[in-house]
C-alpha cells in the first residue's frame, strides 16, 4: 500500500489487549506473561507469548506472519534422514 508521496504505509495493526490474560488467534493461544519480550516479527515490546511457537507476539497481523513463516519452513524442509538409522 503506497501513500501520495510514494512511500510505504503499514496497515493499522490489531494489537492484543493489555488486560486480557490470554488471546486465541490463528489456532494458537498467546498467554500474557509477567515479563516483557520482543515480538518475534516486528520487534515491538509485548507481554504475550505463544503457547506453540514459543515466541512473543504483539498483534493479529504478526501472528499471521509468524505462522505463515513456520508453515513455509515446514513445507520446504526435507525430512529425509541421512545415514544408517532406520
C-alpha atoms as a PDB file:
ATOM      1  CA  UNK A   1       0.000   0.000   0.000  1.00  0.00           C
ATOM      2  CA  UNK A   2       1.503   3.351  -1.015  1.00  0.00           C
ATOM      3  CA  UNK A   3       0.622   6.868   0.059  1.00  0.00           C
ATOM      4  CA  UNK A   4       0.580  10.020  -2.104  1.00  0.00           C
ATOM      5  CA  UNK A   5       4.283  10.731  -1.550  1.00  0.00           C
ATOM      6  CA  UNK A   6       5.241   7.301  -2.888  1.00  0.00           C
ATOM      7  CA  UNK A   7       6.285   5.818   0.482  1.00  0.00           C
ATOM      8  CA  UNK A   8       5.009   2.612   2.024  1.00  0.00           C
ATOM      9  CA  UNK A   9       2.224   2.863   4.619  1.00  0.00           C
ATOM     10  CA  UNK A  10       1.858  -0.021   7.057  1.00  0.00           C
ATOM     11  CA  UNK A  11      -1.789  -1.003   7.644  1.00  0.00           C
ATOM     12  CA  UNK A  12      -3.074  -0.430  11.173  1.00  0.00           C
ATOM     13  CA  UNK A  13      -2.439  -3.421  13.437  1.00  0.00           C
ATOM     14  CA  UNK A  14      -4.874  -5.103  15.799  1.00  0.00           C
ATOM     15  CA  UNK A  15      -2.706  -5.307  18.922  1.00  0.00           C
ATOM     16  CA  UNK A  16      -3.577  -7.768  21.670  1.00  0.00           C
ATOM     17  CA  UNK A  17      -5.410  -6.069  24.556  1.00  0.00           C
ATOM     18  CA  UNK A  18      -3.267  -5.028  27.532  1.00  0.00           C
ATOM     19  CA  UNK A  19      -5.564  -6.557  30.171  1.00  0.00           C
ATOM     20  CA  UNK A  20      -6.562  -9.876  28.589  1.00  0.00           C
ATOM     21  CA  UNK A  21      -4.995 -12.919  30.351  1.00  0.00           C
ATOM     22  CA  UNK A  22      -4.791 -14.781  27.022  1.00  0.00           C
ATOM     23  CA  UNK A  23      -5.682 -14.329  23.349  1.00  0.00           C
ATOM     24  CA  UNK A  24      -6.712 -17.094  20.955  1.00  0.00           C
ATOM     25  CA  UNK A  25      -5.592 -16.335  17.406  1.00  0.00           C
ATOM     26  CA  UNK A  26      -4.716 -18.471  14.343  1.00  0.00           C
ATOM     27  CA  UNK A  27      -5.188 -21.774  16.217  1.00  0.00           C
ATOM     28  CA  UNK A  28      -2.651 -20.705  18.851  1.00  0.00           C
ATOM     29  CA  UNK A  29      -3.026 -19.291  22.343  1.00  0.00           C
ATOM     30  CA  UNK A  30      -0.991 -16.290  23.467  1.00  0.00           C
ATOM     31  CA  UNK A  31      -0.653 -16.028  27.254  1.00  0.00           C
ATOM     32  CA  UNK A  32       0.161 -12.766  28.999  1.00  0.00           C
ATOM     33  CA  UNK A  33       3.493 -13.072  30.836  1.00  0.00           C
ATOM     34  CA  UNK A  34       4.784 -11.053  33.791  1.00  0.00           C
ATOM     35  CA  UNK A  35       7.985 -10.182  31.920  1.00  0.00           C
ATOM     36  CA  UNK A  36       8.018  -8.462  28.545  1.00  0.00           C
ATOM     37  CA  UNK A  37       9.828  -9.598  25.442  1.00  0.00           C
ATOM     38  CA  UNK A  38      10.296  -8.506  21.854  1.00  0.00           C
ATOM     39  CA  UNK A  39       7.787  -9.576  19.204  1.00  0.00           C
ATOM     40  CA  UNK A  40       9.401 -12.233  17.022  1.00  0.00           C
ATOM     41  CA  UNK A  41       8.133 -10.494  13.880  1.00  0.00           C
ATOM     42  CA  UNK A  42       8.270  -6.711  14.327  1.00  0.00           C
ATOM     43  CA  UNK A  43      10.374  -6.275  17.493  1.00  0.00           C
ATOM     44  CA  UNK A  44       7.761  -4.315  19.500  1.00  0.00           C
ATOM     45  CA  UNK A  45       7.799  -4.940  23.270  1.00  0.00           C
ATOM     46  CA  UNK A  46       4.904  -7.158  24.361  1.00  0.00           C
ATOM     47  CA  UNK A  47       3.837  -9.490  27.161  1.00  0.00           C
ATOM     48  CA  UNK A  48       2.051 -12.078  25.006  1.00  0.00           C
ATOM     49  CA  UNK A  49       3.918 -15.334  24.351  1.00  0.00           C
ATOM     50  CA  UNK A  50       2.772 -18.081  22.019  1.00  0.00           C
ATOM     51  CA  UNK A  51       1.990 -21.453  23.557  1.00  0.00           C
ATOM     52  CA  UNK A  52       3.022 -23.466  20.490  1.00  0.00           C
ATOM     53  CA  UNK A  53       5.643 -21.326  18.725  1.00  0.00           C
ATOM     54  CA  UNK A  54       7.382 -20.193  21.963  1.00  0.00           C
ATOM     55  CA  UNK A  55       7.721 -16.649  20.556  1.00  0.00           C
ATOM     56  CA  UNK A  56       6.461 -13.334  21.828  1.00  0.00           C
ATOM     57  CA  UNK A  57       3.866 -11.769  19.530  1.00  0.00           C
ATOM     58  CA  UNK A  58       2.115  -8.388  19.716  1.00  0.00           C
ATOM     59  CA  UNK A  59      -0.731  -8.409  17.182  1.00  0.00           C
ATOM     60  CA  UNK A  60      -3.030 -10.445  14.963  1.00  0.00           C
ATOM     61  CA  UNK A  61      -1.002  -9.442  11.891  1.00  0.00           C
ATOM     62  CA  UNK A  62       2.302 -10.513  13.485  1.00  0.00           C
ATOM     63  CA  UNK A  63       0.710 -13.821  14.493  1.00  0.00           C
ATOM     64  CA  UNK A  64      -0.375 -14.380  10.903  1.00  0.00           C
ATOM     65  CA  UNK A  65       3.111 -13.629   9.578  1.00  0.00           C
ATOM     66  CA  UNK A  66       4.739 -15.843  12.241  1.00  0.00           C
ATOM     67  CA  UNK A  67       2.582 -18.843  11.366  1.00  0.00           C
ATOM     68  CA  UNK A  68       2.989 -18.297   7.607  1.00  0.00           C
ATOM     69  CA  UNK A  69       6.778 -18.403   8.093  1.00  0.00           C
ATOM     70  CA  UNK A  70       6.588 -21.550  10.244  1.00  0.00           C
ATOM     71  CA  UNK A  71       4.304 -23.305   7.748  1.00  0.00           C
ATOM     72  CA  UNK A  72       6.573 -22.369   4.850  1.00  0.00           C
ATOM     73  CA  UNK A  73       9.672 -23.694   6.648  1.00  0.00           C
ATOM     74  CA  UNK A  74       7.955 -26.976   7.485  1.00  0.00           C
ATOM     75  CA  UNK A  75       6.709 -27.395   3.901  1.00  0.00           C
ATOM     76  CA  UNK A  76      10.085 -26.692   2.304  1.00  0.00           C
ATOM     77  CA  UNK A  77      12.378 -28.575   4.711  1.00  0.00           C
ATOM     78  CA  UNK A  78      13.406 -32.050   3.692  1.00  0.00           C
ATOM     79  CA  UNK A  79      12.576 -34.674   6.310  1.00  0.00           C
ATOM     80  CA  UNK A  80      14.715 -37.438   4.839  1.00  0.00           C
ATOM     81  CA  UNK A  81      17.327 -38.814   7.190  1.00  0.00           C
ATOM     82  CA  UNK A  82      20.897 -39.167   6.142  1.00  0.00           C
ATOM     83  CA  UNK A  83      22.823 -42.263   7.048  1.00  0.00           C
ATOM     84  CA  UNK A  84      22.211 -45.581   8.700  1.00  0.00           C
ATOM     85  CA  UNK A  85      19.381 -45.290  11.221  1.00  0.00           C
ATOM     86  CA  UNK A  86      16.120 -46.878  10.149  1.00  0.00           C
END
